N, C-alpha and C. Protein backbone atom coordinates (compact mmCIF):
# COMPACT_ATOMS: atom_id res chain seq x y z
N ALA A 1 22.55 10.62 -81.15
CA ALA A 1 21.74 9.66 -80.45
C ALA A 1 21.37 10.13 -79.06
N GLY A 2 21.75 11.36 -78.71
CA GLY A 2 21.40 11.90 -77.40
C GLY A 2 22.31 11.45 -76.28
N ILE A 3 23.41 10.80 -76.61
CA ILE A 3 24.35 10.33 -75.58
C ILE A 3 25.29 11.47 -75.22
N ARG A 4 25.45 11.70 -73.92
CA ARG A 4 26.38 12.73 -73.44
C ARG A 4 27.78 12.14 -73.36
N VAL A 5 28.79 12.98 -73.55
CA VAL A 5 30.17 12.53 -73.58
C VAL A 5 30.98 13.28 -72.53
N VAL A 6 31.75 12.55 -71.74
CA VAL A 6 32.65 13.13 -70.76
C VAL A 6 34.05 13.13 -71.35
N GLY A 7 34.76 14.26 -71.22
CA GLY A 7 36.13 14.35 -71.70
C GLY A 7 36.26 15.35 -72.81
N PRO A 8 37.33 15.34 -73.53
CA PRO A 8 38.47 14.43 -73.47
C PRO A 8 39.34 14.69 -72.24
N HIS A 9 40.33 13.84 -72.07
CA HIS A 9 41.28 13.90 -70.95
C HIS A 9 40.56 13.83 -69.61
N ALA A 10 39.59 12.94 -69.50
CA ALA A 10 38.76 12.83 -68.31
C ALA A 10 39.18 11.64 -67.45
N LEU A 11 38.95 11.76 -66.15
CA LEU A 11 39.16 10.64 -65.24
C LEU A 11 38.01 9.65 -65.36
N GLY A 12 36.80 10.16 -65.67
CA GLY A 12 35.68 9.27 -65.88
C GLY A 12 34.48 9.57 -65.02
N VAL A 13 33.61 8.58 -64.89
CA VAL A 13 32.32 8.73 -64.23
C VAL A 13 32.14 7.57 -63.25
N VAL A 14 31.58 7.91 -62.08
CA VAL A 14 31.21 6.90 -61.09
C VAL A 14 29.79 7.19 -60.64
N ASN A 15 28.96 6.16 -60.58
CA ASN A 15 27.61 6.27 -60.04
C ASN A 15 27.44 5.12 -59.05
N THR A 16 27.25 5.44 -57.77
CA THR A 16 27.18 4.40 -56.74
C THR A 16 25.76 3.92 -56.46
N ASP A 17 24.78 4.39 -57.22
CA ASP A 17 23.41 3.93 -57.04
C ASP A 17 23.39 2.40 -57.18
N PRO A 18 22.81 1.69 -56.20
CA PRO A 18 22.79 0.21 -56.28
C PRO A 18 22.12 -0.31 -57.56
N GLN A 19 21.22 0.47 -58.15
CA GLN A 19 20.57 0.06 -59.39
C GLN A 19 21.49 0.24 -60.60
N VAL A 20 22.55 1.03 -60.44
CA VAL A 20 23.44 1.34 -61.56
C VAL A 20 24.84 0.74 -61.35
N ARG A 21 25.45 1.03 -60.22
CA ARG A 21 26.80 0.57 -59.86
C ARG A 21 27.77 0.68 -61.03
N LEU A 22 28.03 1.91 -61.45
CA LEU A 22 28.90 2.18 -62.59
C LEU A 22 30.22 2.78 -62.12
N ASN A 23 31.32 2.16 -62.50
CA ASN A 23 32.63 2.74 -62.31
C ASN A 23 33.30 2.76 -63.67
N ALA A 24 33.09 3.84 -64.39
CA ALA A 24 33.73 4.04 -65.69
C ALA A 24 34.80 5.09 -65.52
N SER A 25 35.74 4.80 -64.62
CA SER A 25 36.79 5.75 -64.32
C SER A 25 38.13 5.03 -64.21
N LEU A 26 39.16 5.83 -64.16
CA LEU A 26 40.50 5.32 -63.95
C LEU A 26 40.96 5.60 -62.53
N ALA A 27 40.00 5.87 -61.64
CA ALA A 27 40.31 6.24 -60.26
C ALA A 27 40.97 5.10 -59.52
N SER A 28 41.91 5.46 -58.66
CA SER A 28 42.61 4.45 -57.86
C SER A 28 41.77 3.96 -56.68
N ALA A 29 40.76 4.73 -56.30
CA ALA A 29 39.86 4.34 -55.20
C ALA A 29 38.49 4.92 -55.47
N VAL A 30 37.46 4.17 -55.14
CA VAL A 30 36.09 4.67 -55.27
C VAL A 30 35.43 4.55 -53.90
N PRO A 31 34.95 5.68 -53.37
CA PRO A 31 34.32 5.65 -52.05
C PRO A 31 33.03 4.83 -52.06
N GLU A 32 32.59 4.50 -50.86
CA GLU A 32 31.31 3.83 -50.67
C GLU A 32 30.18 4.75 -51.11
N PRO A 33 28.98 4.19 -51.33
CA PRO A 33 27.83 5.04 -51.65
C PRO A 33 27.54 6.03 -50.51
N GLY A 34 27.08 7.20 -50.88
CA GLY A 34 26.75 8.23 -49.90
C GLY A 34 26.08 9.41 -50.57
N PRO A 35 25.97 10.52 -49.87
CA PRO A 35 25.16 11.64 -50.33
C PRO A 35 25.89 12.72 -51.12
N VAL A 36 27.16 12.54 -51.44
CA VAL A 36 27.97 13.61 -52.03
C VAL A 36 28.11 13.45 -53.53
N GLY A 37 27.75 14.48 -54.27
CA GLY A 37 28.04 14.56 -55.70
C GLY A 37 29.34 15.33 -55.85
N LEU A 38 30.29 14.79 -56.60
CA LEU A 38 31.62 15.38 -56.73
C LEU A 38 31.96 15.60 -58.19
N PHE A 39 32.27 16.85 -58.53
CA PHE A 39 32.65 17.21 -59.91
C PHE A 39 34.04 17.80 -59.88
N CYS A 40 34.89 17.33 -60.79
CA CYS A 40 36.27 17.81 -60.85
C CYS A 40 36.72 17.82 -62.31
N GLN A 41 37.47 18.83 -62.69
CA GLN A 41 38.02 18.86 -64.04
C GLN A 41 39.33 18.10 -64.13
N SER A 42 40.22 18.29 -63.20
CA SER A 42 41.55 17.69 -63.23
C SER A 42 41.50 16.22 -62.85
N ALA A 43 42.09 15.38 -63.69
CA ALA A 43 42.13 13.95 -63.38
C ALA A 43 42.96 13.68 -62.13
N ALA A 44 44.09 14.33 -62.01
CA ALA A 44 44.95 14.10 -60.84
C ALA A 44 44.27 14.53 -59.56
N VAL A 45 43.64 15.70 -59.57
CA VAL A 45 42.94 16.18 -58.38
C VAL A 45 41.72 15.31 -58.10
N GLY A 46 41.00 14.91 -59.14
CA GLY A 46 39.83 14.04 -58.96
C GLY A 46 40.22 12.72 -58.33
N ASP A 47 41.31 12.12 -58.79
CA ASP A 47 41.75 10.86 -58.20
C ASP A 47 42.12 11.05 -56.74
N ALA A 48 42.82 12.13 -56.44
CA ALA A 48 43.19 12.41 -55.04
C ALA A 48 41.95 12.66 -54.18
N LEU A 49 40.97 13.39 -54.71
CA LEU A 49 39.74 13.64 -53.95
C LEU A 49 38.98 12.35 -53.66
N LEU A 50 38.87 11.48 -54.66
CA LEU A 50 38.19 10.20 -54.44
C LEU A 50 38.92 9.36 -53.40
N ARG A 51 40.23 9.32 -53.48
CA ARG A 51 41.02 8.56 -52.51
C ARG A 51 40.83 9.14 -51.10
N ARG A 52 40.85 10.47 -50.97
CA ARG A 52 40.66 11.12 -49.67
C ARG A 52 39.24 10.90 -49.16
N CYS A 53 38.25 10.89 -50.04
CA CYS A 53 36.88 10.58 -49.61
C CYS A 53 36.83 9.18 -49.01
N SER A 54 37.46 8.22 -49.67
CA SER A 54 37.50 6.85 -49.15
C SER A 54 38.17 6.80 -47.79
N GLU A 55 39.30 7.48 -47.64
CA GLU A 55 40.05 7.49 -46.38
C GLU A 55 39.25 8.12 -45.25
N ARG A 56 38.48 9.16 -45.58
CA ARG A 56 37.74 9.91 -44.55
C ARG A 56 36.33 9.39 -44.34
N GLY A 57 35.92 8.36 -45.08
CA GLY A 57 34.59 7.80 -44.92
C GLY A 57 33.48 8.66 -45.51
N ILE A 58 33.82 9.46 -46.51
CA ILE A 58 32.84 10.31 -47.18
C ILE A 58 32.28 9.53 -48.37
N GLY A 59 30.99 9.19 -48.31
CA GLY A 59 30.36 8.44 -49.38
C GLY A 59 29.89 9.36 -50.49
N ILE A 60 29.92 8.84 -51.72
CA ILE A 60 29.50 9.64 -52.86
C ILE A 60 28.27 9.02 -53.54
N SER A 61 27.45 9.90 -54.08
CA SER A 61 26.35 9.44 -54.93
C SER A 61 26.86 9.30 -56.36
N GLY A 62 27.79 10.18 -56.70
CA GLY A 62 28.36 10.13 -58.03
C GLY A 62 29.56 11.03 -58.15
N PHE A 63 30.35 10.77 -59.18
CA PHE A 63 31.55 11.54 -59.46
C PHE A 63 31.66 11.72 -60.96
N VAL A 64 32.05 12.91 -61.38
CA VAL A 64 32.40 13.14 -62.77
C VAL A 64 33.73 13.87 -62.80
N GLY A 65 34.71 13.23 -63.41
CA GLY A 65 36.00 13.86 -63.69
C GLY A 65 35.97 14.26 -65.15
N ALA A 66 35.60 15.51 -65.43
CA ALA A 66 35.21 15.94 -66.76
C ALA A 66 36.35 16.25 -67.72
N GLY A 67 37.55 16.41 -67.21
CA GLY A 67 38.65 16.73 -68.12
C GLY A 67 38.43 18.06 -68.81
N ASN A 68 38.55 18.07 -70.12
CA ASN A 68 38.45 19.31 -70.89
C ASN A 68 37.02 19.75 -71.22
N ARG A 69 36.03 19.12 -70.59
CA ARG A 69 34.63 19.53 -70.74
C ARG A 69 34.18 19.67 -72.19
N GLY A 70 34.43 18.68 -73.01
CA GLY A 70 33.99 18.74 -74.39
C GLY A 70 32.48 18.77 -74.52
N ASP A 71 31.77 18.14 -73.58
CA ASP A 71 30.31 18.11 -73.61
C ASP A 71 29.75 18.32 -72.21
N VAL A 72 29.99 17.40 -71.29
CA VAL A 72 29.44 17.49 -69.94
C VAL A 72 30.28 18.46 -69.11
N ALA A 73 29.60 19.42 -68.49
CA ALA A 73 30.27 20.43 -67.68
C ALA A 73 29.65 20.48 -66.29
N GLY A 74 30.20 21.31 -65.45
CA GLY A 74 29.70 21.48 -64.09
C GLY A 74 28.24 21.85 -64.03
N ASN A 75 27.79 22.71 -64.94
CA ASN A 75 26.38 23.10 -64.97
C ASN A 75 25.47 21.89 -65.13
N ASP A 76 25.86 20.98 -66.01
CA ASP A 76 25.05 19.78 -66.25
C ASP A 76 24.94 18.93 -65.00
N MET A 77 26.06 18.77 -64.31
CA MET A 77 26.05 17.93 -63.11
C MET A 77 25.30 18.61 -61.96
N LEU A 78 25.43 19.91 -61.84
CA LEU A 78 24.66 20.62 -60.82
C LEU A 78 23.16 20.40 -61.03
N GLN A 79 22.72 20.51 -62.26
CA GLN A 79 21.31 20.30 -62.56
C GLN A 79 20.89 18.85 -62.27
N PHE A 80 21.74 17.90 -62.62
CA PHE A 80 21.44 16.49 -62.37
C PHE A 80 21.35 16.22 -60.87
N TRP A 81 22.36 16.65 -60.11
CA TRP A 81 22.39 16.35 -58.68
C TRP A 81 21.30 17.09 -57.92
N ARG A 82 20.87 18.24 -58.40
CA ARG A 82 19.76 18.97 -57.76
C ARG A 82 18.49 18.13 -57.77
N GLU A 83 18.32 17.31 -58.79
CA GLU A 83 17.13 16.47 -58.92
C GLU A 83 17.34 15.05 -58.40
N ASP A 84 18.57 14.69 -58.06
CA ASP A 84 18.89 13.33 -57.63
C ASP A 84 18.56 13.15 -56.15
N PRO A 85 17.63 12.27 -55.80
CA PRO A 85 17.27 12.10 -54.39
C PRO A 85 18.39 11.50 -53.53
N ARG A 86 19.40 10.92 -54.15
CA ARG A 86 20.52 10.34 -53.39
C ARG A 86 21.60 11.37 -53.05
N THR A 87 21.51 12.55 -53.64
CA THR A 87 22.54 13.58 -53.44
C THR A 87 22.00 14.67 -52.53
N SER A 88 22.76 14.97 -51.46
CA SER A 88 22.33 16.04 -50.55
C SER A 88 23.39 17.12 -50.38
N VAL A 89 24.54 16.96 -51.01
CA VAL A 89 25.59 17.99 -51.00
C VAL A 89 26.41 17.83 -52.27
N VAL A 90 26.86 18.95 -52.83
CA VAL A 90 27.67 18.93 -54.04
C VAL A 90 29.01 19.60 -53.76
N LEU A 91 30.07 18.93 -54.20
CA LEU A 91 31.42 19.47 -54.10
C LEU A 91 31.96 19.68 -55.51
N LEU A 92 32.55 20.85 -55.74
CA LEU A 92 33.07 21.19 -57.06
C LEU A 92 34.53 21.61 -56.96
N HIS A 93 35.35 21.07 -57.84
CA HIS A 93 36.72 21.56 -58.00
C HIS A 93 36.81 22.01 -59.46
N LEU A 94 36.86 23.33 -59.64
CA LEU A 94 36.86 23.89 -60.99
C LEU A 94 38.20 24.53 -61.31
N GLU A 95 38.68 24.29 -62.52
CA GLU A 95 39.89 24.95 -63.00
C GLU A 95 39.55 26.07 -63.95
N THR A 96 38.47 25.91 -64.71
CA THR A 96 38.05 26.93 -65.66
C THR A 96 36.54 27.07 -65.59
N MET A 97 36.08 28.22 -66.00
CA MET A 97 34.64 28.45 -66.14
C MET A 97 34.42 29.02 -67.54
N GLY A 98 33.45 28.50 -68.22
CA GLY A 98 33.10 29.08 -69.50
C GLY A 98 32.26 30.32 -69.27
N ASP A 99 30.96 30.16 -69.25
CA ASP A 99 30.02 31.26 -69.03
C ASP A 99 29.76 31.38 -67.53
N ALA A 100 30.49 32.27 -66.88
CA ALA A 100 30.39 32.40 -65.42
C ALA A 100 29.01 32.86 -64.97
N ARG A 101 28.35 33.69 -65.75
CA ARG A 101 27.02 34.16 -65.37
C ARG A 101 26.00 33.02 -65.39
N LYS A 102 26.07 32.17 -66.42
CA LYS A 102 25.18 31.00 -66.48
C LYS A 102 25.49 30.06 -65.32
N PHE A 103 26.77 29.84 -65.06
CA PHE A 103 27.15 28.99 -63.95
C PHE A 103 26.59 29.54 -62.64
N ALA A 104 26.67 30.85 -62.45
CA ALA A 104 26.17 31.46 -61.22
C ALA A 104 24.66 31.21 -61.07
N ARG A 105 23.91 31.29 -62.15
CA ARG A 105 22.46 31.03 -62.08
C ARG A 105 22.18 29.58 -61.72
N VAL A 106 22.88 28.64 -62.36
CA VAL A 106 22.64 27.22 -62.12
C VAL A 106 23.07 26.84 -60.71
N VAL A 107 24.23 27.33 -60.27
CA VAL A 107 24.71 26.97 -58.94
C VAL A 107 23.85 27.61 -57.86
N GLN A 108 23.29 28.78 -58.12
CA GLN A 108 22.39 29.40 -57.14
C GLN A 108 21.13 28.56 -56.96
N ALA A 109 20.59 28.05 -58.06
CA ALA A 109 19.40 27.20 -57.96
C ALA A 109 19.73 25.92 -57.18
N THR A 110 20.88 25.34 -57.42
CA THR A 110 21.27 24.12 -56.71
C THR A 110 21.53 24.41 -55.24
N ALA A 111 22.24 25.50 -54.96
CA ALA A 111 22.56 25.86 -53.57
C ALA A 111 21.30 26.21 -52.78
N GLY A 112 20.21 26.53 -53.47
CA GLY A 112 18.94 26.75 -52.79
C GLY A 112 18.30 25.45 -52.34
N ALA A 113 18.74 24.33 -52.92
CA ALA A 113 18.18 23.02 -52.60
C ALA A 113 19.07 22.19 -51.69
N MET A 114 20.39 22.45 -51.72
CA MET A 114 21.34 21.65 -50.93
C MET A 114 22.64 22.44 -50.81
N PRO A 115 23.49 22.07 -49.85
CA PRO A 115 24.78 22.74 -49.73
C PRO A 115 25.66 22.47 -50.96
N VAL A 116 26.32 23.52 -51.44
CA VAL A 116 27.27 23.42 -52.54
C VAL A 116 28.56 24.11 -52.10
N ALA A 117 29.66 23.39 -52.19
CA ALA A 117 30.97 23.96 -51.86
C ALA A 117 31.86 23.86 -53.09
N MET A 118 32.72 24.86 -53.23
CA MET A 118 33.55 24.92 -54.43
C MET A 118 34.94 25.42 -54.08
N VAL A 119 35.93 24.78 -54.67
CA VAL A 119 37.31 25.27 -54.62
C VAL A 119 37.75 25.44 -56.07
N ARG A 120 38.45 26.52 -56.31
CA ARG A 120 38.92 26.79 -57.66
C ARG A 120 40.38 26.41 -57.79
N GLY A 121 40.69 25.71 -58.88
CA GLY A 121 42.08 25.40 -59.18
C GLY A 121 42.76 26.63 -59.73
N GLY A 122 43.96 26.49 -60.20
CA GLY A 122 44.76 27.62 -60.64
C GLY A 122 44.25 28.33 -61.88
N GLY A 123 43.33 27.75 -62.64
CA GLY A 123 42.96 28.35 -63.91
C GLY A 123 41.59 28.98 -63.93
N ALA A 124 41.06 29.41 -62.81
CA ALA A 124 39.70 29.94 -62.80
C ALA A 124 39.59 31.31 -63.43
N GLU A 125 40.72 31.96 -63.70
CA GLU A 125 40.67 33.24 -64.39
C GLU A 125 40.71 33.01 -65.90
N ALA A 126 41.22 33.98 -66.64
CA ALA A 126 41.20 33.92 -68.09
C ALA A 126 42.20 32.93 -68.67
N PHE A 127 43.22 32.53 -67.92
CA PHE A 127 44.21 31.59 -68.46
C PHE A 127 43.78 30.16 -68.19
N LEU A 128 44.39 29.25 -68.91
CA LEU A 128 44.05 27.84 -68.78
C LEU A 128 45.23 27.06 -68.24
N PRO A 129 44.94 25.98 -67.50
CA PRO A 129 46.03 25.11 -67.09
C PRO A 129 46.69 24.49 -68.32
N SER A 130 47.95 24.13 -68.20
CA SER A 130 48.69 23.53 -69.29
C SER A 130 47.95 22.31 -69.84
N GLY A 131 47.81 22.25 -71.16
CA GLY A 131 47.19 21.10 -71.80
C GLY A 131 45.68 21.20 -71.94
N HIS A 132 45.05 22.22 -71.39
CA HIS A 132 43.60 22.34 -71.49
C HIS A 132 43.21 23.15 -72.71
N SER A 133 42.14 22.70 -73.36
CA SER A 133 41.70 23.37 -74.56
C SER A 133 40.31 23.99 -74.41
N VAL A 134 39.73 23.90 -73.22
CA VAL A 134 38.40 24.49 -73.02
C VAL A 134 38.55 25.97 -72.73
N GLY A 135 37.52 26.72 -73.06
CA GLY A 135 37.55 28.16 -72.82
C GLY A 135 37.37 28.50 -71.36
N GLY A 136 38.17 29.41 -70.91
CA GLY A 136 38.00 29.95 -69.56
C GLY A 136 37.15 31.19 -69.61
N THR A 137 36.76 31.68 -68.46
CA THR A 137 36.02 32.92 -68.42
C THR A 137 36.98 34.08 -68.60
N LEU A 138 36.49 35.18 -69.10
CA LEU A 138 37.29 36.38 -69.22
C LEU A 138 37.22 37.22 -67.96
N LEU A 139 36.49 36.72 -66.96
CA LEU A 139 36.35 37.44 -65.70
C LEU A 139 37.54 37.17 -64.79
N THR A 140 37.87 38.16 -63.98
CA THR A 140 38.94 37.98 -63.00
C THR A 140 38.43 37.13 -61.85
N ARG A 141 39.36 36.66 -61.02
CA ARG A 141 39.00 35.89 -59.83
C ARG A 141 38.05 36.71 -58.97
N ARG A 142 38.30 38.00 -58.83
CA ARG A 142 37.44 38.87 -58.01
C ARG A 142 36.03 38.95 -58.60
N ALA A 143 35.92 39.08 -59.92
CA ALA A 143 34.60 39.17 -60.55
C ALA A 143 33.83 37.87 -60.38
N VAL A 144 34.52 36.74 -60.51
CA VAL A 144 33.86 35.45 -60.30
C VAL A 144 33.38 35.35 -58.86
N SER A 145 34.21 35.76 -57.91
CA SER A 145 33.81 35.73 -56.49
C SER A 145 32.60 36.60 -56.27
N ASP A 146 32.59 37.78 -56.88
CA ASP A 146 31.43 38.67 -56.74
C ASP A 146 30.16 38.03 -57.29
N LEU A 147 30.26 37.34 -58.43
CA LEU A 147 29.11 36.65 -59.01
C LEU A 147 28.58 35.57 -58.07
N LEU A 148 29.49 34.90 -57.39
CA LEU A 148 29.10 33.78 -56.55
C LEU A 148 28.71 34.19 -55.14
N ASP A 149 29.01 35.42 -54.74
CA ASP A 149 28.73 35.87 -53.37
C ASP A 149 27.28 35.65 -52.96
N ASP A 150 26.36 35.95 -53.84
CA ASP A 150 24.94 35.83 -53.51
C ASP A 150 24.34 34.50 -53.94
N SER A 151 25.16 33.58 -54.40
CA SER A 151 24.64 32.32 -54.95
C SER A 151 24.40 31.27 -53.88
N GLY A 152 24.95 31.46 -52.69
CA GLY A 152 24.82 30.45 -51.65
C GLY A 152 25.92 29.41 -51.67
N VAL A 153 26.87 29.54 -52.58
CA VAL A 153 27.99 28.60 -52.66
C VAL A 153 29.01 28.95 -51.59
N LEU A 154 29.51 27.92 -50.94
CA LEU A 154 30.58 28.09 -49.97
C LEU A 154 31.90 27.95 -50.73
N LEU A 155 32.60 29.07 -50.92
CA LEU A 155 33.89 29.05 -51.58
C LEU A 155 34.96 28.71 -50.55
N VAL A 156 35.77 27.72 -50.84
CA VAL A 156 36.84 27.31 -49.94
C VAL A 156 38.17 27.39 -50.69
N ASP A 157 39.25 27.40 -49.93
CA ASP A 157 40.57 27.62 -50.53
C ASP A 157 41.34 26.34 -50.84
N THR A 158 40.97 25.23 -50.23
CA THR A 158 41.75 24.00 -50.42
C THR A 158 40.82 22.80 -50.61
N THR A 159 41.38 21.72 -51.14
CA THR A 159 40.59 20.51 -51.29
C THR A 159 40.29 19.89 -49.93
N ASP A 160 41.18 20.06 -48.96
CA ASP A 160 40.88 19.57 -47.60
C ASP A 160 39.67 20.28 -47.03
N ALA A 161 39.59 21.60 -47.24
CA ALA A 161 38.42 22.35 -46.76
C ALA A 161 37.16 21.90 -47.50
N LEU A 162 37.29 21.56 -48.77
CA LEU A 162 36.15 21.07 -49.55
C LEU A 162 35.61 19.79 -48.92
N LEU A 163 36.50 18.88 -48.56
CA LEU A 163 36.07 17.63 -47.93
C LEU A 163 35.55 17.85 -46.52
N ASP A 164 36.10 18.84 -45.82
CA ASP A 164 35.59 19.18 -44.49
C ASP A 164 34.12 19.59 -44.56
N VAL A 165 33.75 20.32 -45.62
CA VAL A 165 32.35 20.71 -45.80
C VAL A 165 31.48 19.46 -45.89
N ALA A 166 31.91 18.49 -46.66
CA ALA A 166 31.13 17.25 -46.82
C ALA A 166 30.96 16.55 -45.48
N VAL A 167 32.02 16.49 -44.70
CA VAL A 167 31.95 15.83 -43.39
C VAL A 167 30.93 16.53 -42.49
N VAL A 168 30.90 17.86 -42.55
CA VAL A 168 30.01 18.62 -41.66
C VAL A 168 28.55 18.55 -42.11
N VAL A 169 28.28 18.63 -43.41
CA VAL A 169 26.89 18.78 -43.85
C VAL A 169 26.24 17.52 -44.42
N ALA A 170 27.02 16.54 -44.81
CA ALA A 170 26.42 15.35 -45.41
C ALA A 170 25.59 14.59 -44.38
N ASP A 171 24.42 14.17 -44.80
CA ASP A 171 23.50 13.40 -43.95
C ASP A 171 23.08 14.12 -42.67
N ARG A 172 23.11 15.41 -42.69
CA ARG A 172 22.71 16.16 -41.51
C ARG A 172 21.49 17.01 -41.85
N ASP A 173 20.57 17.13 -40.89
CA ASP A 173 19.45 18.04 -41.08
C ASP A 173 19.92 19.43 -40.67
N LEU A 174 20.06 20.29 -41.67
CA LEU A 174 20.51 21.64 -41.40
C LEU A 174 19.32 22.53 -41.11
N PRO A 175 19.49 23.53 -40.23
CA PRO A 175 18.37 24.43 -39.95
C PRO A 175 17.99 25.22 -41.20
N GLY A 176 16.73 25.49 -41.35
CA GLY A 176 16.24 26.27 -42.46
C GLY A 176 16.54 27.74 -42.28
N ALA A 177 16.40 28.49 -43.37
CA ALA A 177 16.63 29.92 -43.31
C ALA A 177 15.54 30.58 -42.47
N ALA A 178 15.95 31.56 -41.70
CA ALA A 178 15.00 32.26 -40.84
C ALA A 178 14.25 33.33 -41.58
């Protein structure tokens, strides 16, 4: 029927658009509406990120806690948020990557339109976090970093740094490329 599915083992979906106002998540806190699109695979990390966004006053346009990425993946959300007029920055917390080359192409197109920051969880290499059944990339952490170097993505080391990016760039007019 053309319906997209999030999960399995997903935290859920949040859309803060006043026309939609959807909270189909198990999150303990949902931030106010704002310009940040947030994608996370881990339910625990996603819940913590949403709670920290609320505490820090970071508003979101939407959130997807994708879990094992049975259908909806980071690429899908990057493409959606690139076209969403309510989203001006994208934050990604990834544990695994399927097709890293495809991801690099999609994220480069999105990063050309708005700031994109990404932190990788422990499973961004060939291994998977415990309990995950989605395929990881066969590329090493170094190879993934090399793919992303020219994509315009700001790679950060911690979730706090990820949220710091949102605080700095959300709702701000950034200078254009020279």
